[in-house]
Amino acid sequence: MTQEPPDAELTINEIAERVGAQFPQLPASTIQGVVTEAYDELKDARVRDFVEVLVEKQAKKQLKHIQP
């Protein structure tokens, strides 16, 4: 039994919402772009179990360096 990967757009939106709560000073479009970029780097990973966690971690790391 194979598990279908979650819908990319839904996953990106959920992560962007969580990350956005921690970076309210940044525009939503900036957060969405950073999350999308991080997701794109991992979207073809063979093991999908931790993709969301890794995307969120990478996005937060990048957003810490962006000044509003």
PDB file of N, CA and C in Angstrom:
ATOM      1  N   MET A   1       0.843  -1.176   0.000  1.00  0.00           N
ATOM      2  CA  MET A   1       0.000   0.000   0.000  1.00  0.00           C
ATOM      3  C   MET A   1       0.889   1.240   0.000  1.00  0.00           C
ATOM      4  N   THR A   2       0.720   2.082  -0.988  1.00  0.00           N
ATOM      5  CA  THR A   2       1.505   3.312  -1.068  1.00  0.00           C
ATOM      6  C   THR A   2       0.649   4.478  -0.598  1.00  0.00           C
ATOM      7  N   GLN A   3       1.310   5.410   0.036  1.00  0.00           N
ATOM      8  CA  GLN A   3       0.610   6.597   0.517  1.00  0.00           C
ATOM      9  C   GLN A   3       0.762   7.693  -0.515  1.00  0.00           C
ATOM     10  N   GLU A   4      -0.349   8.279  -0.909  1.00  0.00           N
ATOM     11  CA  GLU A   4      -0.336   9.377  -1.864  1.00  0.00           C
ATOM     12  C   GLU A   4       0.260  10.610  -1.194  1.00  0.00           C
ATOM     13  N   PRO A   5       1.140  11.336  -1.902  1.00  0.00           N
ATOM     14  CA  PRO A   5       1.656  12.570  -1.313  1.00  0.00           C
ATOM     15  C   PRO A   5       0.531  13.590  -1.187  1.00  0.00           C
ATOM     16  N   PRO A   6       0.590  14.399  -0.139  1.00  0.00           N
ATOM     17  CA  PRO A   6      -0.467  15.407   0.020  1.00  0.00           C
ATOM     18  C   PRO A   6      -0.414  16.433  -1.107  1.00  0.00           C
ATOM     19  N   ASP A   7      -1.518  17.081  -1.330  1.00  0.00           N
ATOM     20  CA  ASP A   7      -1.600  18.122  -2.339  1.00  0.00           C
ATOM     21  C   ASP A   7      -0.568  19.201  -2.023  1.00  0.00           C
ATOM     22  N   ALA A   8       0.303  19.499  -2.961  1.00  0.00           N
ATOM     23  CA  ALA A   8       1.397  20.450  -2.739  1.00  0.00           C
ATOM     24  C   ALA A   8       0.887  21.823  -2.324  1.00  0.00           C
ATOM     25  N   GLU A   9      -0.117  22.322  -3.002  1.00  0.00           N
ATOM     26  CA  GLU A   9      -0.630  23.658  -2.698  1.00  0.00           C
ATOM     27  C   GLU A   9      -1.190  23.723  -1.283  1.00  0.00           C
ATOM     28  N   LEU A  10      -1.919  22.697  -0.887  1.00  0.00           N
ATOM     29  CA  LEU A  10      -2.479  22.647   0.458  1.00  0.00           C
ATOM     30  C   LEU A  10      -1.362  22.599   1.499  1.00  0.00           C
ATOM     31  N   THR A  11      -0.368  21.773   1.251  1.00  0.00           N
ATOM     32  CA  THR A  11       0.766  21.650   2.170  1.00  0.00           C
ATOM     33  C   THR A  11       1.506  22.975   2.308  1.00  0.00           C
ATOM     34  N   ILE A  12       1.791  23.613   1.189  1.00  0.00           N
ATOM     35  CA  ILE A  12       2.498  24.900   1.201  1.00  0.00           C
ATOM     36  C   ILE A  12       1.687  25.948   1.959  1.00  0.00           C
ATOM     37  N   ASN A  13       0.390  26.000   1.727  1.00  0.00           N
ATOM     38  CA  ASN A  13      -0.463  26.978   2.412  1.00  0.00           C
ATOM     39  C   ASN A  13      -0.500  26.750   3.921  1.00  0.00           C
ATOM     40  N   GLU A  14      -0.564  25.487   4.328  1.00  0.00           N
ATOM     41  CA  GLU A  14      -0.579  25.171   5.758  1.00  0.00           C
ATOM     42  C   GLU A  14       0.727  25.567   6.426  1.00  0.00           C
ATOM     43  N   ILE A  15       1.837  25.266   5.775  1.00  0.00           N
ATOM     44  CA  ILE A  15       3.144  25.621   6.331  1.00  0.00           C
ATOM     45  C   ILE A  15       3.294  27.144   6.371  1.00  0.00           C
ATOM     46  N   ALA A  16       2.902  27.815   5.300  1.00  0.00           N
ATOM     47  CA  ALA A  16       3.007  29.279   5.247  1.00  0.00           C
ATOM     48  C   ALA A  16       2.178  29.927   6.352  1.00  0.00           C
ATOM     49  N   GLU A  17       1.031  29.364   6.651  1.00  0.00           N
ATOM     50  CA  GLU A  17       0.186  29.905   7.717  1.00  0.00           C
ATOM     51  C   GLU A  17       0.872  29.758   9.075  1.00  0.00           C
ATOM     52  N   ARG A  18       1.450  28.592   9.339  1.00  0.00           N
ATOM     53  CA  ARG A  18       2.147  28.374  10.616  1.00  0.00           C
ATOM     54  C   ARG A  18       3.369  29.279  10.737  1.00  0.00           C
ATOM     55  N   VAL A  19       4.141  29.361   9.665  1.00  0.00           N
ATOM     56  CA  VAL A  19       5.349  30.183   9.679  1.00  0.00           C
ATOM     57  C   VAL A  19       4.972  31.661   9.763  1.00  0.00           C
ATOM     58  N   GLY A  20       3.941  32.059   9.072  1.00  0.00           N
ATOM     59  CA  GLY A  20       3.503  33.450   9.073  1.00  0.00           C
ATOM     60  C   GLY A  20       3.127  33.955  10.455  1.00  0.00           C
ATOM     61  N   ALA A  21       2.611  33.078  11.285  1.00  0.00           N
ATOM     62  CA  ALA A  21       2.268  33.471  12.652  1.00  0.00           C
ATOM     63  C   ALA A  21       3.512  33.846  13.453  1.00  0.00           C
ATOM     64  N   GLN A  22       4.648  33.305  13.067  1.00  0.00           N
ATOM     65  CA  GLN A  22       5.902  33.599  13.764  1.00  0.00           C
ATOM     66  C   GLN A  22       6.646  34.783  13.161  1.00  0.00           C
ATOM     67  N   PHE A  23       6.231  35.200  11.977  1.00  0.00           N
ATOM     68  CA  PHE A  23       6.866  36.333  11.296  1.00  0.00           C
ATOM     69  C   PHE A  23       5.795  37.324  10.820  1.00  0.00           C
ATOM     70  N   PRO A  24       5.015  37.883  11.752  1.00  0.00           N
ATOM     71  CA  PRO A  24       3.907  38.763  11.345  1.00  0.00           C
ATOM     72  C   PRO A  24       4.363  40.055  10.680  1.00  0.00           C
ATOM     73  N   GLN A  25       5.624  40.423  10.853  1.00  0.00           N
ATOM     74  CA  GLN A  25       6.142  41.659  10.268  1.00  0.00           C
ATOM     75  C   GLN A  25       6.432  41.516   8.773  1.00  0.00           C
ATOM     76  N   LEU A  26       6.467  40.287   8.279  1.00  0.00           N
ATOM     77  CA  LEU A  26       6.775  40.062   6.860  1.00  0.00           C
ATOM     78  C   LEU A  26       5.491  39.891   6.050  1.00  0.00           C
ATOM     79  N   PRO A  27       5.510  40.346   4.804  1.00  0.00           N
ATOM     80  CA  PRO A  27       4.336  40.176   3.939  1.00  0.00           C
ATOM     81  C   PRO A  27       4.045  38.692   3.682  1.00  0.00           C
ATOM     82  N   ALA A  28       2.782  38.379   3.594  1.00  0.00           N
ATOM     83  CA  ALA A  28       2.369  37.000   3.337  1.00  0.00           C
ATOM     84  C   ALA A  28       2.960  36.474   2.033  1.00  0.00           C
ATOM     85  N   SER A  29       3.101  37.342   1.045  1.00  0.00           N
ATOM     86  CA  SER A  29       3.655  36.905  -0.243  1.00  0.00           C
ATOM     87  C   SER A  29       5.118  36.485  -0.112  1.00  0.00           C
ATOM     88  N   THR A  30       5.859  37.154   0.752  1.00  0.00           N
ATOM     89  CA  THR A  30       7.257  36.790   0.988  1.00  0.00           C
ATOM     90  C   THR A  30       7.333  35.424   1.654  1.00  0.00           C
ATOM     91  N   ILE A  31       6.506  35.234   2.653  1.00  0.00           N
ATOM     92  CA  ILE A  31       6.485  33.958   3.375  1.00  0.00           C
ATOM     93  C   ILE A  31       6.070  32.835   2.434  1.00  0.00           C
ATOM     94  N   GLN A  32       5.041  33.063   1.647  1.00  0.00           N
ATOM     95  CA  GLN A  32       4.561  32.058   0.697  1.00  0.00           C
ATOM     96  C   GLN A  32       5.667  31.697  -0.296  1.00  0.00           C
ATOM     97  N   GLY A  33       6.390  32.684  -0.772  1.00  0.00           N
ATOM     98  CA  GLY A  33       7.466  32.441  -1.725  1.00  0.00           C
ATOM     99  C   GLY A  33       8.596  31.627  -1.134  1.00  0.00           C
ATOM    100  N   VAL A  34       8.982  31.947   0.095  1.00  0.00           N
ATOM    101  CA  VAL A  34      10.066  31.214   0.752  1.00  0.00           C
ATOM    102  C   VAL A  34       9.641  29.769   1.023  1.00  0.00           C
ATOM    103  N   VAL A  35       8.421  29.582   1.485  1.00  0.00           N
ATOM    104  CA  VAL A  35       7.924  28.234   1.751  1.00  0.00           C
ATOM    105  C   VAL A  35       7.833  27.430   0.450  1.00  0.00           C
ATOM    106  N   THR A  36       7.358  28.056  -0.599  1.00  0.00           N
ATOM    107  CA  THR A  36       7.255  27.374  -1.896  1.00  0.00           C
ATOM    108  C   THR A  36       8.631  26.951  -2.392  1.00  0.00           C
ATOM    109  N   GLU A  37       9.597  27.836  -2.262  1.00  0.00           N
ATOM    110  CA  GLU A  37      10.962  27.523  -2.686  1.00  0.00           C
ATOM    111  C   GLU A  37      11.531  26.344  -1.886  1.00  0.00           C
ATOM    112  N   ALA A  38      11.329  26.366  -0.578  1.00  0.00           N
ATOM    113  CA  ALA A  38      11.813  25.277   0.271  1.00  0.00           C
ATOM    114  C   ALA A  38      11.113  23.970  -0.087  1.00  0.00           C
ATOM    115  N   TYR A  39       9.815  24.040  -0.358  1.00  0.00           N
ATOM    116  CA  TYR A  39       9.065  22.839  -0.741  1.00  0.00           C
ATOM    117  C   TYR A  39       9.560  22.287  -2.073  1.00  0.00           C
ATOM    118  N   ASP A  40       9.811  23.164  -3.013  1.00  0.00           N
ATOM    119  CA  ASP A  40      10.270  22.736  -4.338  1.00  0.00           C
ATOM    120  C   ASP A  40      11.591  21.971  -4.263  1.00  0.00           C
ATOM    121  N   GLU A  41      12.436  22.343  -3.309  1.00  0.00           N
ATOM    122  CA  GLU A  41      13.710  21.651  -3.146  1.00  0.00           C
ATOM    123  C   GLU A  41      13.527  20.222  -2.661  1.00  0.00           C
ATOM    124  N   LEU A  42      12.430  19.955  -1.962  1.00  0.00           N
ATOM    125  CA  LEU A  42      12.221  18.632  -1.364  1.00  0.00           C
ATOM    126  C   LEU A  42      11.039  17.861  -1.953  1.00  0.00           C
ATOM    127  N   LYS A  43      10.379  18.419  -2.936  1.00  0.00           N
ATOM    128  CA  LYS A  43       9.146  17.802  -3.435  1.00  0.00           C
ATOM    129  C   LYS A  43       9.340  16.423  -4.056  1.00  0.00           C
ATOM    130  N   ASP A  44      10.538  16.130  -4.513  1.00  0.00           N
ATOM    131  CA  ASP A  44      10.782  14.834  -5.144  1.00  0.00           C
ATOM    132  C   ASP A  44      11.502  13.854  -4.219  1.00  0.00           C
ATOM    133  N   ALA A  45      11.521  14.159  -2.930  1.00  0.00           N
ATOM    134  CA  ALA A  45      12.191  13.280  -1.975  1.00  0.00           C
ATOM    135  C   ALA A  45      11.533  11.902  -1.979  1.00  0.00           C
ATOM    136  N   ARG A  46      12.364  10.897  -1.928  1.00  0.00           N
ATOM    137  CA  ARG A  46      11.835   9.524  -1.939  1.00  0.00           C
ATOM    138  C   ARG A  46      11.115   9.204  -0.635  1.00  0.00           C
ATOM    139  N   VAL A  47      11.647   9.683   0.463  1.00  0.00           N
ATOM    140  CA  VAL A  47      11.019   9.487   1.759  1.00  0.00           C
ATOM    141  C   VAL A  47      10.271  10.765   2.102  1.00  0.00           C
ATOM    142  N   ARG A  48       8.967  10.672   2.218  1.00  0.00           N
ATOM    143  CA  ARG A  48       8.120  11.848   2.382  1.00  0.00           C
ATOM    144  C   ARG A  48       7.745  12.143   3.831  1.00  0.00           C
ATOM    145  N   ASP A  49       8.126  11.280   4.746  1.00  0.00           N
ATOM    146  CA  ASP A  49       7.670  11.389   6.129  1.00  0.00           C
ATOM    147  C   ASP A  49       7.979  12.729   6.781  1.00  0.00           C
ATOM    148  N   PHE A  50       9.121  13.319   6.476  1.00  0.00           N
ATOM    149  CA  PHE A  50       9.546  14.521   7.170  1.00  0.00           C
ATOM    150  C   PHE A  50       9.619  15.754   6.271  1.00  0.00           C
ATOM    151  N   VAL A  51       9.063  15.684   5.098  1.00  0.00           N
ATOM    152  CA  VAL A  51       9.154  16.802   4.159  1.00  0.00           C
ATOM    153  C   VAL A  51       8.552  18.073   4.763  1.00  0.00           C
ATOM    154  N   GLU A  52       7.381  17.981   5.351  1.00  0.00           N
ATOM    155  CA  GLU A  52       6.747  19.181   5.910  1.00  0.00           C
ATOM    156  C   GLU A  52       7.596  19.803   7.004  1.00  0.00           C
ATOM    157  N   VAL A  53       8.136  18.984   7.877  1.00  0.00           N
ATOM    158  CA  VAL A  53       8.969  19.480   8.976  1.00  0.00           C
ATOM    159  C   VAL A  53      10.219  20.154   8.426  1.00  0.00           C
ATOM    160  N   LEU A  54      10.840  19.532   7.443  1.00  0.00           N
ATOM    161  CA  LEU A  54      12.058  20.089   6.857  1.00  0.00           C
ATOM    162  C   LEU A  54      11.784  21.383   6.105  1.00  0.00           C
ATOM    163  N   VAL A  55      10.688  21.440   5.400  1.00  0.00           N
ATOM    164  CA  VAL A  55      10.311  22.665   4.674  1.00  0.00           C
ATOM    165  C   VAL A  55      10.078  23.801   5.663  1.00  0.00           C
ATOM    166  N   GLU A  56       9.347  23.526   6.728  1.00  0.00           N
ATOM    167  CA  GLU A  56       9.072  24.565   7.719  1.00  0.00           C
ATOM    168  C   GLU A  56      10.368  25.056   8.363  1.00  0.00           C
ATOM    169  N   LYS A  57      11.238  24.141   8.703  1.00  0.00           N
ATOM    170  CA  LYS A  57      12.515  24.512   9.325  1.00  0.00           C
ATOM    171  C   LYS A  57      13.361  25.367   8.383  1.00  0.00           C
ATOM    172  N   GLN A  58      13.442  24.978   7.120  1.00  0.00           N
ATOM    173  CA  GLN A  58      14.224  25.728   6.140  1.00  0.00           C
ATOM    174  C   GLN A  58      13.634  27.116   5.906  1.00  0.00           C
ATOM    175  N   ALA A  59      12.316  27.196   5.818  1.00  0.00           N
ATOM    176  CA  ALA A  59      11.654  28.487   5.600  1.00  0.00           C
ATOM    177  C   ALA A  59      11.927  29.440   6.770  1.00  0.00           C
ATOM    178  N   LYS A  60      11.817  28.938   7.996  1.00  0.00           N
ATOM    179  CA  LYS A  60      12.084  29.782   9.170  1.00  0.00           C
ATOM    180  C   LYS A  60      13.526  30.271   9.164  1.00  0.00           C
ATOM    181  N   LYS A  61      14.431  29.403   8.816  1.00  0.00           N
ATOM    182  CA  LYS A  61      15.854  29.762   8.766  1.00  0.00           C
ATOM    183  C   LYS A  61      16.081  30.905   7.767  1.00  0.00           C
ATOM    184  N   GLN A  62      15.467  30.812   6.607  1.00  0.00           N
ATOM    185  CA  GLN A  62      15.634  31.844   5.590  1.00  0.00           C
ATOM    186  C   GLN A  62      14.948  33.151   5.985  1.00  0.00           C
ATOM    187  N   LEU A  63      13.768  33.053   6.581  1.00  0.00           N
ATOM    188  CA  LEU A  63      13.010  34.249   6.946  1.00  0.00           C
ATOM    189  C   LEU A  63      13.669  35.043   8.072  1.00  0.00           C
ATOM    190  N   LYS A  64      14.433  34.392   8.904  1.00  0.00           N
ATOM    191  CA  LYS A  64      15.132  35.105   9.982  1.00  0.00           C
ATOM    192  C   LYS A  64      16.113  36.140   9.441  1.00  0.00           C
ATOM    193  N   HIS A  65      16.566  35.935   8.210  1.00  0.00           N
ATOM    194  CA  HIS A  65      17.546  36.819   7.599  1.00  0.00           C
ATOM    195  C   HIS A  65      16.922  37.912   6.737  1.00  0.00           C
ATOM    196  N   ILE A  66      15.626  37.949   6.654  1.00  0.00           N
ATOM    197  CA  ILE A  66      14.932  38.952   5.843  1.00  0.00           C
ATOM    198  C   ILE A  66      14.459  40.073   6.758  1.00  0.00           C
ATOM    199  N   GLN A  67      14.825  41.270   6.419  1.00  0.00           N
ATOM    200  CA  GLN A  67      14.387  42.442   7.182  1.00  0.00           C
ATOM    201  C   GLN A  67      13.126  43.005   6.544  1.00  0.00           C
ATOM    202  N   PRO A  68      12.128  43.362   7.360  1.00  0.00           N
ATOM    203  CA  PRO A  68      10.889  43.923   6.796  1.00  0.00           C
ATOM    204  C   PRO A  68      11.092  45.320   6.250  1.00  0.00           C
TER     205      PRO A  68
END
